[in-house]
mmCIF file of all heavy atoms, coordinates in Angstrom:
data_MODEL
# 
_entry.id   MODEL 
# 
loop_
_atom_site.group_PDB 
_atom_site.id 
_atom_site.type_symbol 
_atom_site.label_atom_id 
_atom_site.label_alt_id 
_atom_site.label_comp_id 
_atom_site.label_asym_id 
_atom_site.label_entity_id 
_atom_site.label_seq_id 
_atom_site.pdbx_PDB_ins_code 
_atom_site.Cartn_x 
_atom_site.Cartn_y 
_atom_site.Cartn_z 
_atom_site.occupancy 
_atom_site.B_iso_or_equiv 
_atom_site.pdbx_formal_charge 
_atom_site.auth_seq_id 
_atom_site.auth_comp_id 
_atom_site.auth_asym_id 
_atom_site.auth_atom_id 
_atom_site.pdbx_PDB_model_num 
ATOM 1   N N   . LEU A 1 1  ? 60.843 9.248  138.492 1.00 0.00 ? 1  LEU A N   1 
ATOM 2   C CA  . LEU A 1 1  ? 60.129 8.780  137.354 1.00 0.00 ? 1  LEU A CA  1 
ATOM 3   C C   . LEU A 1 1  ? 59.293 7.535  137.737 1.00 0.00 ? 1  LEU A C   1 
ATOM 4   O O   . LEU A 1 1  ? 59.827 6.635  138.349 1.00 0.00 ? 1  LEU A O   1 
ATOM 5   C CB  . LEU A 1 1  ? 61.064 8.420  136.218 1.00 0.00 ? 1  LEU A CB  1 
ATOM 6   C CG  . LEU A 1 1  ? 61.957 9.536  135.628 1.00 0.00 ? 1  LEU A CG  1 
ATOM 7   C CD1 . LEU A 1 1  ? 62.971 8.903  134.661 1.00 0.00 ? 1  LEU A CD1 1 
ATOM 8   C CD2 . LEU A 1 1  ? 61.108 10.613 134.992 1.00 0.00 ? 1  LEU A CD2 1 
ATOM 9   N N   . ALA A 1 2  ? 58.037 7.553  137.264 1.00 0.00 ? 2  ALA A N   1 
ATOM 10  C CA  . ALA A 1 2  ? 57.224 6.292  137.451 1.00 0.00 ? 2  ALA A CA  1 
ATOM 11  C C   . ALA A 1 2  ? 57.778 5.184  136.648 1.00 0.00 ? 2  ALA A C   1 
ATOM 12  O O   . ALA A 1 2  ? 57.560 4.021  136.937 1.00 0.00 ? 2  ALA A O   1 
ATOM 13  C CB  . ALA A 1 2  ? 55.787 6.609  137.115 1.00 0.00 ? 2  ALA A CB  1 
ATOM 14  N N   . GLY A 1 3  ? 58.454 5.480  135.524 1.00 0.00 ? 3  GLY A N   1 
ATOM 15  C CA  . GLY A 1 3  ? 59.072 4.531  134.635 1.00 0.00 ? 3  GLY A CA  1 
ATOM 16  C C   . GLY A 1 3  ? 60.230 5.195  133.918 1.00 0.00 ? 3  GLY A C   1 
ATOM 17  O O   . GLY A 1 3  ? 60.503 6.383  134.143 1.00 0.00 ? 3  GLY A O   1 
ATOM 18  N N   . PRO A 1 4  ? 60.968 4.508  133.041 1.00 0.00 ? 4  PRO A N   1 
ATOM 19  C CA  . PRO A 1 4  ? 62.121 5.078  132.418 1.00 0.00 ? 4  PRO A CA  1 
ATOM 20  C C   . PRO A 1 4  ? 61.795 6.108  131.381 1.00 0.00 ? 4  PRO A C   1 
ATOM 21  O O   . PRO A 1 4  ? 62.690 6.786  130.842 1.00 0.00 ? 4  PRO A O   1 
ATOM 22  C CB  . PRO A 1 4  ? 62.810 3.811  131.828 1.00 0.00 ? 4  PRO A CB  1 
ATOM 23  C CG  . PRO A 1 4  ? 61.716 2.855  131.583 1.00 0.00 ? 4  PRO A CG  1 
ATOM 24  C CD  . PRO A 1 4  ? 60.779 3.088  132.751 1.00 0.00 ? 4  PRO A CD  1 
ATOM 25  N N   . GLY A 1 5  ? 60.567 6.291  130.963 1.00 0.00 ? 5  GLY A N   1 
ATOM 26  C CA  . GLY A 1 5  ? 60.180 7.317  129.967 1.00 0.00 ? 5  GLY A CA  1 
ATOM 27  C C   . GLY A 1 5  ? 60.180 8.669  130.639 1.00 0.00 ? 5  GLY A C   1 
ATOM 28  O O   . GLY A 1 5  ? 60.454 8.914  131.805 1.00 0.00 ? 5  GLY A O   1 
ATOM 29  N N   . HIS A 1 6  ? 59.906 9.720  129.821 1.00 0.00 ? 6  HIS A N   1 
ATOM 30  C CA  . HIS A 1 6  ? 59.795 11.097 130.213 1.00 0.00 ? 6  HIS A CA  1 
ATOM 31  C C   . HIS A 1 6  ? 61.165 11.679 130.565 1.00 0.00 ? 6  HIS A C   1 
ATOM 32  O O   . HIS A 1 6  ? 61.234 12.782 131.144 1.00 0.00 ? 6  HIS A O   1 
ATOM 33  C CB  . HIS A 1 6  ? 58.863 11.291 131.459 1.00 0.00 ? 6  HIS A CB  1 
ATOM 34  C CG  . HIS A 1 6  ? 57.480 11.449 131.048 1.00 0.00 ? 6  HIS A CG  1 
ATOM 35  N ND1 . HIS A 1 6  ? 56.631 12.384 131.608 1.00 0.00 ? 6  HIS A ND1 1 
ATOM 36  C CD2 . HIS A 1 6  ? 56.679 10.825 130.154 1.00 0.00 ? 6  HIS A CD2 1 
ATOM 37  C CE1 . HIS A 1 6  ? 55.449 12.344 131.071 1.00 0.00 ? 6  HIS A CE1 1 
ATOM 38  N NE2 . HIS A 1 6  ? 55.412 11.410 130.222 1.00 0.00 ? 6  HIS A NE2 1 
ATOM 39  N N   . ALA A 1 7  ? 62.266 11.023 130.225 1.00 0.00 ? 7  ALA A N   1 
ATOM 40  C CA  . ALA A 1 7  ? 63.603 11.588 130.452 1.00 0.00 ? 7  ALA A CA  1 
ATOM 41  C C   . ALA A 1 7  ? 64.536 11.090 129.408 1.00 0.00 ? 7  ALA A C   1 
ATOM 42  O O   . ALA A 1 7  ? 64.472 9.970  128.969 1.00 0.00 ? 7  ALA A O   1 
ATOM 43  C CB  . ALA A 1 7  ? 64.110 11.205 131.866 1.00 0.00 ? 7  ALA A CB  1 
ATOM 44  N N   . VAL A 1 8  ? 65.525 11.991 129.071 1.00 0.00 ? 8  VAL A N   1 
ATOM 45  C CA  . VAL A 1 8  ? 66.541 11.596 128.092 1.00 0.00 ? 8  VAL A CA  1 
ATOM 46  C C   . VAL A 1 8  ? 67.780 12.466 128.344 1.00 0.00 ? 8  VAL A C   1 
ATOM 47  O O   . VAL A 1 8  ? 67.669 13.600 128.882 1.00 0.00 ? 8  VAL A O   1 
ATOM 48  C CB  . VAL A 1 8  ? 66.059 11.820 126.669 1.00 0.00 ? 8  VAL A CB  1 
ATOM 49  C CG1 . VAL A 1 8  ? 65.836 13.326 126.346 1.00 0.00 ? 8  VAL A CG1 1 
ATOM 50  C CG2 . VAL A 1 8  ? 67.045 11.196 125.669 1.00 0.00 ? 8  VAL A CG2 1 
ATOM 51  N N   . TRP A 1 9  ? 68.936 11.885 128.094 1.00 0.00 ? 9  TRP A N   1 
ATOM 52  C CA  . TRP A 1 9  ? 70.216 12.614 128.301 1.00 0.00 ? 9  TRP A CA  1 
ATOM 53  C C   . TRP A 1 9  ? 70.922 12.733 126.961 1.00 0.00 ? 9  TRP A C   1 
ATOM 54  O O   . TRP A 1 9  ? 70.960 11.794 126.190 1.00 0.00 ? 9  TRP A O   1 
ATOM 55  C CB  . TRP A 1 9  ? 71.090 11.875 129.349 1.00 0.00 ? 9  TRP A CB  1 
ATOM 56  C CG  . TRP A 1 9  ? 70.644 12.204 130.692 1.00 0.00 ? 9  TRP A CG  1 
ATOM 57  C CD1 . TRP A 1 9  ? 71.177 13.108 131.562 1.00 0.00 ? 9  TRP A CD1 1 
ATOM 58  C CD2 . TRP A 1 9  ? 69.497 11.645 131.395 1.00 0.00 ? 9  TRP A CD2 1 
ATOM 59  N NE1 . TRP A 1 9  ? 70.472 13.153 132.718 1.00 0.00 ? 9  TRP A NE1 1 
ATOM 60  C CE2 . TRP A 1 9  ? 69.484 12.270 132.659 1.00 0.00 ? 9  TRP A CE2 1 
ATOM 61  C CE3 . TRP A 1 9  ? 68.535 10.668 131.073 1.00 0.00 ? 9  TRP A CE3 1 
ATOM 62  C CZ2 . TRP A 1 9  ? 68.472 11.959 133.599 1.00 0.00 ? 9  TRP A CZ2 1 
ATOM 63  C CZ3 . TRP A 1 9  ? 67.531 10.396 132.009 1.00 0.00 ? 9  TRP A CZ3 1 
ATOM 64  C CH2 . TRP A 1 9  ? 67.480 11.030 133.253 1.00 0.00 ? 9  TRP A CH2 1 
ATOM 65  N N   . LEU A 1 10 ? 71.448 13.932 126.673 1.00 0.00 ? 10 LEU A N   1 
ATOM 66  C CA  . LEU A 1 10 ? 72.166 14.186 125.435 1.00 0.00 ? 10 LEU A CA  1 
ATOM 67  C C   . LEU A 1 10 ? 73.670 14.207 125.768 1.00 0.00 ? 10 LEU A C   1 
ATOM 68  O O   . LEU A 1 10 ? 74.157 14.916 126.718 1.00 0.00 ? 10 LEU A O   1 
ATOM 69  C CB  . LEU A 1 10 ? 71.795 15.555 124.897 1.00 0.00 ? 10 LEU A CB  1 
ATOM 70  C CG  . LEU A 1 10 ? 70.272 15.825 124.766 1.00 0.00 ? 10 LEU A CG  1 
ATOM 71  C CD1 . LEU A 1 10 ? 70.049 17.179 124.120 1.00 0.00 ? 10 LEU A CD1 1 
ATOM 72  C CD2 . LEU A 1 10 ? 69.572 14.737 124.015 1.00 0.00 ? 10 LEU A CD2 1 
ATOM 73  N N   . LEU A 1 11 ? 74.402 13.343 124.991 1.00 0.00 ? 11 LEU A N   1 
ATOM 74  C CA  . LEU A 1 11 ? 75.809 13.115 125.332 1.00 0.00 ? 11 LEU A CA  1 
ATOM 75  C C   . LEU A 1 11 ? 76.679 13.678 124.139 1.00 0.00 ? 11 LEU A C   1 
ATOM 76  O O   . LEU A 1 11 ? 76.875 12.921 123.160 1.00 0.00 ? 11 LEU A O   1 
ATOM 77  C CB  . LEU A 1 11 ? 76.064 11.636 125.514 1.00 0.00 ? 11 LEU A CB  1 
ATOM 78  C CG  . LEU A 1 11 ? 75.116 10.947 126.525 1.00 0.00 ? 11 LEU A CG  1 
ATOM 79  C CD1 . LEU A 1 11 ? 75.392 9.406  126.604 1.00 0.00 ? 11 LEU A CD1 1 
ATOM 80  C CD2 . LEU A 1 11 ? 75.255 11.593 127.926 1.00 0.00 ? 11 LEU A CD2 1 
ATOM 81  N N   . PRO A 1 12 ? 77.238 14.849 124.275 1.00 0.00 ? 12 PRO A N   1 
ATOM 82  C CA  . PRO A 1 12 ? 77.980 15.459 123.138 1.00 0.00 ? 12 PRO A CA  1 
ATOM 83  C C   . PRO A 1 12 ? 79.409 14.862 123.059 1.00 0.00 ? 12 PRO A C   1 
ATOM 84  O O   . PRO A 1 12 ? 80.048 14.574 124.100 1.00 0.00 ? 12 PRO A O   1 
ATOM 85  C CB  . PRO A 1 12 ? 77.999 16.908 123.501 1.00 0.00 ? 12 PRO A CB  1 
ATOM 86  C CG  . PRO A 1 12 ? 78.032 16.901 125.023 1.00 0.00 ? 12 PRO A CG  1 
ATOM 87  C CD  . PRO A 1 12 ? 77.135 15.784 125.406 1.00 0.00 ? 12 PRO A CD  1 
ATOM 88  N N   . THR A 1 13 ? 79.913 14.700 121.866 1.00 0.00 ? 13 THR A N   1 
ATOM 89  C CA  . THR A 1 13 ? 81.289 14.383 121.677 1.00 0.00 ? 13 THR A CA  1 
ATOM 90  C C   . THR A 1 13 ? 82.145 15.632 121.974 1.00 0.00 ? 13 THR A C   1 
ATOM 91  O O   . THR A 1 13 ? 81.612 16.761 121.939 1.00 0.00 ? 13 THR A O   1 
ATOM 92  C CB  . THR A 1 13 ? 81.641 13.953 120.244 1.00 0.00 ? 13 THR A CB  1 
ATOM 93  O OG1 . THR A 1 13 ? 81.336 15.044 119.356 1.00 0.00 ? 13 THR A OG1 1 
ATOM 94  C CG2 . THR A 1 13 ? 80.786 12.724 119.841 1.00 0.00 ? 13 THR A CG2 1 
ATOM 95  N N   . PRO A 1 14 ? 83.446 15.475 122.327 1.00 0.00 ? 14 PRO A N   1 
ATOM 96  C CA  . PRO A 1 14 ? 84.271 16.654 122.533 1.00 0.00 ? 14 PRO A CA  1 
ATOM 97  C C   . PRO A 1 14 ? 84.266 17.630 121.373 1.00 0.00 ? 14 PRO A C   1 
ATOM 98  O O   . PRO A 1 14 ? 84.259 18.842 121.573 1.00 0.00 ? 14 PRO A O   1 
ATOM 99  C CB  . PRO A 1 14 ? 85.640 16.064 122.819 1.00 0.00 ? 14 PRO A CB  1 
ATOM 100 C CG  . PRO A 1 14 ? 85.384 14.685 123.400 1.00 0.00 ? 14 PRO A CG  1 
ATOM 101 C CD  . PRO A 1 14 ? 84.140 14.211 122.651 1.00 0.00 ? 14 PRO A CD  1 
ATOM 102 N N   . GLY A 1 15 ? 84.263 17.097 120.169 1.00 0.00 ? 15 GLY A N   1 
ATOM 103 C CA  . GLY A 1 15 ? 84.292 17.956 118.975 1.00 0.00 ? 15 GLY A CA  1 
ATOM 104 C C   . GLY A 1 15 ? 82.979 18.757 118.884 1.00 0.00 ? 15 GLY A C   1 
ATOM 105 O O   . GLY A 1 15 ? 83.003 19.968 118.571 1.00 0.00 ? 15 GLY A O   1 
ATOM 106 N N   . PHE A 1 16 ? 81.817 18.126 119.193 1.00 0.00 ? 16 PHE A N   1 
ATOM 107 C CA  . PHE A 1 16 ? 80.579 18.845 119.132 1.00 0.00 ? 16 PHE A CA  1 
ATOM 108 C C   . PHE A 1 16 ? 80.526 19.940 120.178 1.00 0.00 ? 16 PHE A C   1 
ATOM 109 O O   . PHE A 1 16 ? 80.034 21.027 119.966 1.00 0.00 ? 16 PHE A O   1 
ATOM 110 C CB  . PHE A 1 16 ? 79.398 17.829 119.341 1.00 0.00 ? 16 PHE A CB  1 
ATOM 111 C CG  . PHE A 1 16 ? 78.029 18.496 119.206 1.00 0.00 ? 16 PHE A CG  1 
ATOM 112 C CD1 . PHE A 1 16 ? 77.378 18.502 117.950 1.00 0.00 ? 16 PHE A CD1 1 
ATOM 113 C CD2 . PHE A 1 16 ? 77.410 19.091 120.284 1.00 0.00 ? 16 PHE A CD2 1 
ATOM 114 C CE1 . PHE A 1 16 ? 76.141 19.165 117.838 1.00 0.00 ? 16 PHE A CE1 1 
ATOM 115 C CE2 . PHE A 1 16 ? 76.201 19.684 120.159 1.00 0.00 ? 16 PHE A CE2 1 
ATOM 116 C CZ  . PHE A 1 16 ? 75.573 19.705 118.965 1.00 0.00 ? 16 PHE A CZ  1 
ATOM 117 N N   . ARG A 1 17 ? 80.993 19.595 121.415 1.00 0.00 ? 17 ARG A N   1 
ATOM 118 C CA  . ARG A 1 17 ? 80.949 20.533 122.506 1.00 0.00 ? 17 ARG A CA  1 
ATOM 119 C C   . ARG A 1 17 ? 81.757 21.788 122.135 1.00 0.00 ? 17 ARG A C   1 
ATOM 120 O O   . ARG A 1 17 ? 81.316 22.886 122.382 1.00 0.00 ? 17 ARG A O   1 
ATOM 121 C CB  . ARG A 1 17 ? 81.464 19.894 123.775 1.00 0.00 ? 17 ARG A CB  1 
ATOM 122 C CG  . ARG A 1 17 ? 81.331 20.794 125.005 1.00 0.00 ? 17 ARG A CG  1 
ATOM 123 C CD  . ARG A 1 17 ? 82.016 20.165 126.248 1.00 0.00 ? 17 ARG A CD  1 
ATOM 124 N NE  . ARG A 1 17 ? 81.462 18.829 126.489 1.00 0.00 ? 17 ARG A NE  1 
ATOM 125 C CZ  . ARG A 1 17 ? 82.172 17.731 126.317 1.00 0.00 ? 17 ARG A CZ  1 
ATOM 126 N NH1 . ARG A 1 17 ? 83.415 17.718 125.874 1.00 0.00 ? 17 ARG A NH1 1 
ATOM 127 N NH2 . ARG A 1 17 ? 81.600 16.555 126.625 1.00 0.00 ? 17 ARG A NH2 1 
ATOM 128 N N   . ARG A 1 18 ? 82.970 21.596 121.644 1.00 0.00 ? 18 ARG A N   1 
ATOM 129 C CA  . ARG A 1 18 ? 83.820 22.741 121.355 1.00 0.00 ? 18 ARG A CA  1 
ATOM 130 C C   . ARG A 1 18 ? 83.200 23.532 120.218 1.00 0.00 ? 18 ARG A C   1 
ATOM 131 O O   . ARG A 1 18 ? 83.216 24.814 120.283 1.00 0.00 ? 18 ARG A O   1 
ATOM 132 C CB  . ARG A 1 18 ? 85.242 22.269 120.998 1.00 0.00 ? 18 ARG A CB  1 
ATOM 133 C CG  . ARG A 1 18 ? 86.152 23.460 120.684 1.00 0.00 ? 18 ARG A CG  1 
ATOM 134 C CD  . ARG A 1 18 ? 87.564 23.119 120.879 1.00 0.00 ? 18 ARG A CD  1 
ATOM 135 N NE  . ARG A 1 18 ? 88.357 24.334 120.752 1.00 0.00 ? 18 ARG A NE  1 
ATOM 136 C CZ  . ARG A 1 18 ? 89.546 24.547 121.372 1.00 0.00 ? 18 ARG A CZ  1 
ATOM 137 N NH1 . ARG A 1 18 ? 89.995 23.635 122.234 1.00 0.00 ? 18 ARG A NH1 1 
ATOM 138 N NH2 . ARG A 1 18 ? 90.200 25.672 121.194 1.00 0.00 ? 18 ARG A NH2 1 
ATOM 139 N N   . ALA A 1 19 ? 82.684 22.848 119.212 1.00 0.00 ? 19 ALA A N   1 
ATOM 140 C CA  . ALA A 1 19 ? 82.048 23.617 118.099 1.00 0.00 ? 19 ALA A CA  1 
ATOM 141 C C   . ALA A 1 19 ? 80.815 24.410 118.597 1.00 0.00 ? 19 ALA A C   1 
ATOM 142 O O   . ALA A 1 19 ? 80.595 25.515 118.149 1.00 0.00 ? 19 ALA A O   1 
ATOM 143 C CB  . ALA A 1 19 ? 81.612 22.633 116.983 1.00 0.00 ? 19 ALA A CB  1 
ATOM 144 N N   . ALA A 1 20 ? 80.064 23.822 119.526 1.00 0.00 ? 20 ALA A N   1 
ATOM 145 C CA  . ALA A 1 20 ? 78.918 24.500 120.066 1.00 0.00 ? 20 ALA A CA  1 
ATOM 146 C C   . ALA A 1 20 ? 79.320 25.778 120.820 1.00 0.00 ? 20 ALA A C   1 
ATOM 147 O O   . ALA A 1 20 ? 78.732 26.855 120.628 1.00 0.00 ? 20 ALA A O   1 
ATOM 148 C CB  . ALA A 1 20 ? 78.159 23.561 120.971 1.00 0.00 ? 20 ALA A CB  1 
ATOM 149 N N   . PHE A 1 21 ? 80.355 25.674 121.617 1.00 0.00 ? 21 PHE A N   1 
ATOM 150 C CA  . PHE A 1 21 ? 80.812 26.862 122.376 1.00 0.00 ? 21 PHE A CA  1 
ATOM 151 C C   . PHE A 1 21 ? 81.399 27.902 121.412 1.00 0.00 ? 21 PHE A C   1 
ATOM 152 O O   . PHE A 1 21 ? 81.184 29.088 121.607 1.00 0.00 ? 21 PHE A O   1 
ATOM 153 C CB  . PHE A 1 21 ? 81.899 26.452 123.385 1.00 0.00 ? 21 PHE A CB  1 
ATOM 154 C CG  . PHE A 1 21 ? 81.382 25.599 124.556 1.00 0.00 ? 21 PHE A CG  1 
ATOM 155 C CD1 . PHE A 1 21 ? 82.211 24.765 125.199 1.00 0.00 ? 21 PHE A CD1 1 
ATOM 156 C CD2 . PHE A 1 21 ? 80.077 25.739 124.960 1.00 0.00 ? 21 PHE A CD2 1 
ATOM 157 C CE1 . PHE A 1 21 ? 81.773 24.015 126.276 1.00 0.00 ? 21 PHE A CE1 1 
ATOM 158 C CE2 . PHE A 1 21 ? 79.594 24.977 125.999 1.00 0.00 ? 21 PHE A CE2 1 
ATOM 159 C CZ  . PHE A 1 21 ? 80.425 24.083 126.686 1.00 0.00 ? 21 PHE A CZ  1 
ATOM 160 N N   . ASP A 1 22 ? 82.130 27.429 120.366 1.00 0.00 ? 22 ASP A N   1 
ATOM 161 C CA  . ASP A 1 22 ? 82.601 28.419 119.375 1.00 0.00 ? 22 ASP A CA  1 
ATOM 162 C C   . ASP A 1 22 ? 81.464 29.141 118.663 1.00 0.00 ? 22 ASP A C   1 
ATOM 163 O O   . ASP A 1 22 ? 81.554 30.370 118.510 1.00 0.00 ? 22 ASP A O   1 
ATOM 164 C CB  . ASP A 1 22 ? 83.434 27.601 118.323 1.00 0.00 ? 22 ASP A CB  1 
ATOM 165 C CG  . ASP A 1 22 ? 84.908 27.570 118.649 1.00 0.00 ? 22 ASP A CG  1 
ATOM 166 O OD1 . ASP A 1 22 ? 85.397 28.503 119.272 1.00 0.00 ? 22 ASP A OD1 1 
ATOM 167 O OD2 . ASP A 1 22 ? 85.544 26.580 118.246 1.00 0.00 ? 22 ASP A OD2 1 
ATOM 168 N N   . SER A 1 23 ? 80.459 28.433 118.273 1.00 0.00 ? 23 SER A N   1 
ATOM 169 C CA  . SER A 1 23 ? 79.347 29.020 117.605 1.00 0.00 ? 23 SER A CA  1 
ATOM 170 C C   . SER A 1 23 ? 78.605 30.036 118.421 1.00 0.00 ? 23 SER A C   1 
ATOM 171 O O   . SER A 1 23 ? 77.997 30.998 117.917 1.00 0.00 ? 23 SER A O   1 
ATOM 172 C CB  . SER A 1 23 ? 78.382 27.950 117.063 1.00 0.00 ? 23 SER A CB  1 
ATOM 173 O OG  . SER A 1 23 ? 77.700 27.334 118.107 1.00 0.00 ? 23 SER A OG  1 
ATOM 174 N N   . ARG A 1 24 ? 78.549 29.829 119.763 1.00 0.00 ? 24 ARG A N   1 
ATOM 175 C CA  . ARG A 1 24 ? 77.916 30.717 120.666 1.00 0.00 ? 24 ARG A CA  1 
ATOM 176 C C   . ARG A 1 24 ? 78.805 31.936 121.059 1.00 0.00 ? 24 ARG A C   1 
ATOM 177 O O   . ARG A 1 24 ? 78.330 32.881 121.716 1.00 0.00 ? 24 ARG A O   1 
ATOM 178 C CB  . ARG A 1 24 ? 77.524 30.011 121.966 1.00 0.00 ? 24 ARG A CB  1 
ATOM 179 C CG  . ARG A 1 24 ? 76.582 28.833 121.818 1.00 0.00 ? 24 ARG A CG  1 
ATOM 180 C CD  . ARG A 1 24 ? 76.435 28.120 123.139 1.00 0.00 ? 24 ARG A CD  1 
ATOM 181 N NE  . ARG A 1 24 ? 75.739 26.882 123.043 1.00 0.00 ? 24 ARG A NE  1 
ATOM 182 C CZ  . ARG A 1 24 ? 75.614 26.012 124.008 1.00 0.00 ? 24 ARG A CZ  1 
ATOM 183 N NH1 . ARG A 1 24 ? 76.183 26.238 125.206 1.00 0.00 ? 24 ARG A NH1 1 
ATOM 184 N NH2 . ARG A 1 24 ? 74.911 24.886 123.837 1.00 0.00 ? 24 ARG A NH2 1 
ATOM 185 N N   . GLY A 1 25 ? 80.062 31.763 120.701 1.00 0.00 ? 25 GLY A N   1 
ATOM 186 C CA  . GLY A 1 25 ? 81.003 32.857 121.140 1.00 0.00 ? 25 GLY A CA  1 
ATOM 187 C C   . GLY A 1 25 ? 81.349 32.781 122.557 1.00 0.00 ? 25 GLY A C   1 
ATOM 188 O O   . GLY A 1 25 ? 81.882 33.766 123.184 1.00 0.00 ? 25 GLY A O   1 
ATOM 189 N N   . SER A 1 26 ? 81.154 31.609 123.200 1.00 0.00 ? 26 SER A N   1 
ATOM 190 C CA  . SER A 1 26 ? 81.325 31.492 124.703 1.00 0.00 ? 26 SER A CA  1 
ATOM 191 C C   . SER A 1 26 ? 82.544 30.629 125.051 1.00 0.00 ? 26 SER A C   1 
ATOM 192 O O   . SER A 1 26 ? 82.734 30.308 126.219 1.00 0.00 ? 26 SER A O   1 
ATOM 193 C CB  . SER A 1 26 ? 80.092 30.946 125.326 1.00 0.00 ? 26 SER A CB  1 
ATOM 194 O OG  . SER A 1 26 ? 79.761 29.655 124.845 1.00 0.00 ? 26 SER A OG  1 
ATOM 195 N N   . LEU A 1 27 ? 83.324 30.186 124.078 1.00 0.00 ? 27 LEU A N   1 
ATOM 196 C CA  . LEU A 1 27 ? 84.410 29.274 124.314 1.00 0.00 ? 27 LEU A CA  1 
ATOM 197 C C   . LEU A 1 27 ? 85.375 29.797 125.425 1.00 0.00 ? 27 LEU A C   1 
ATOM 198 O O   . LEU A 1 27 ? 85.803 29.076 126.265 1.00 0.00 ? 27 LEU A O   1 
ATOM 199 C CB  . LEU A 1 27 ? 85.202 28.951 123.093 1.00 0.00 ? 27 LEU A CB  1 
ATOM 200 C CG  . LEU A 1 27 ? 86.322 27.920 123.188 1.00 0.00 ? 27 LEU A CG  1 
ATOM 201 C CD1 . LEU A 1 27 ? 85.744 26.520 123.551 1.00 0.00 ? 27 LEU A CD1 1 
ATOM 202 C CD2 . LEU A 1 27 ? 87.067 27.807 121.826 1.00 0.00 ? 27 LEU A CD2 1 
ATOM 203 N N   . TRP A 1 28 ? 85.689 31.126 125.320 1.00 0.00 ? 28 TRP A N   1 
ATOM 204 C CA  . TRP A 1 28 ? 86.653 31.677 126.244 1.00 0.00 ? 28 TRP A CA  1 
ATOM 205 C C   . TRP A 1 28 ? 85.953 32.486 127.350 1.00 0.00 ? 28 TRP A C   1 
ATOM 206 O O   . TRP A 1 28 ? 86.632 33.220 128.094 1.00 0.00 ? 28 TRP A O   1 
ATOM 207 C CB  . TRP A 1 28 ? 87.616 32.568 125.476 1.00 0.00 ? 28 TRP A CB  1 
ATOM 208 C CG  . TRP A 1 28 ? 88.463 31.792 124.487 1.00 0.00 ? 28 TRP A CG  1 
ATOM 209 C CD1 . TRP A 1 28 ? 88.194 31.592 123.158 1.00 0.00 ? 28 TRP A CD1 1 
ATOM 210 C CD2 . TRP A 1 28 ? 89.638 31.039 124.745 1.00 0.00 ? 28 TRP A CD2 1 
ATOM 211 N NE1 . TRP A 1 28 ? 89.173 30.825 122.571 1.00 0.00 ? 28 TRP A NE1 1 
ATOM 212 C CE2 . TRP A 1 28 ? 90.046 30.427 123.544 1.00 0.00 ? 28 TRP A CE2 1 
ATOM 213 C CE3 . TRP A 1 28 ? 90.424 30.808 125.944 1.00 0.00 ? 28 TRP A CE3 1 
ATOM 214 C CZ2 . TRP A 1 28 ? 91.186 29.665 123.478 1.00 0.00 ? 28 TRP A CZ2 1 
ATOM 215 C CZ3 . TRP A 1 28 ? 91.544 30.048 125.851 1.00 0.00 ? 28 TRP A CZ3 1 
ATOM 216 C CH2 . TRP A 1 28 ? 91.910 29.467 124.629 1.00 0.00 ? 28 TRP A CH2 1 
# 
């Protein structure tokens, strides 16, 4: 990066991550 812009990181809580996998049907 020429500077700190143009990039971002998404940091899920454990609850959000598990709910996301559940909704996709990919938890197991």
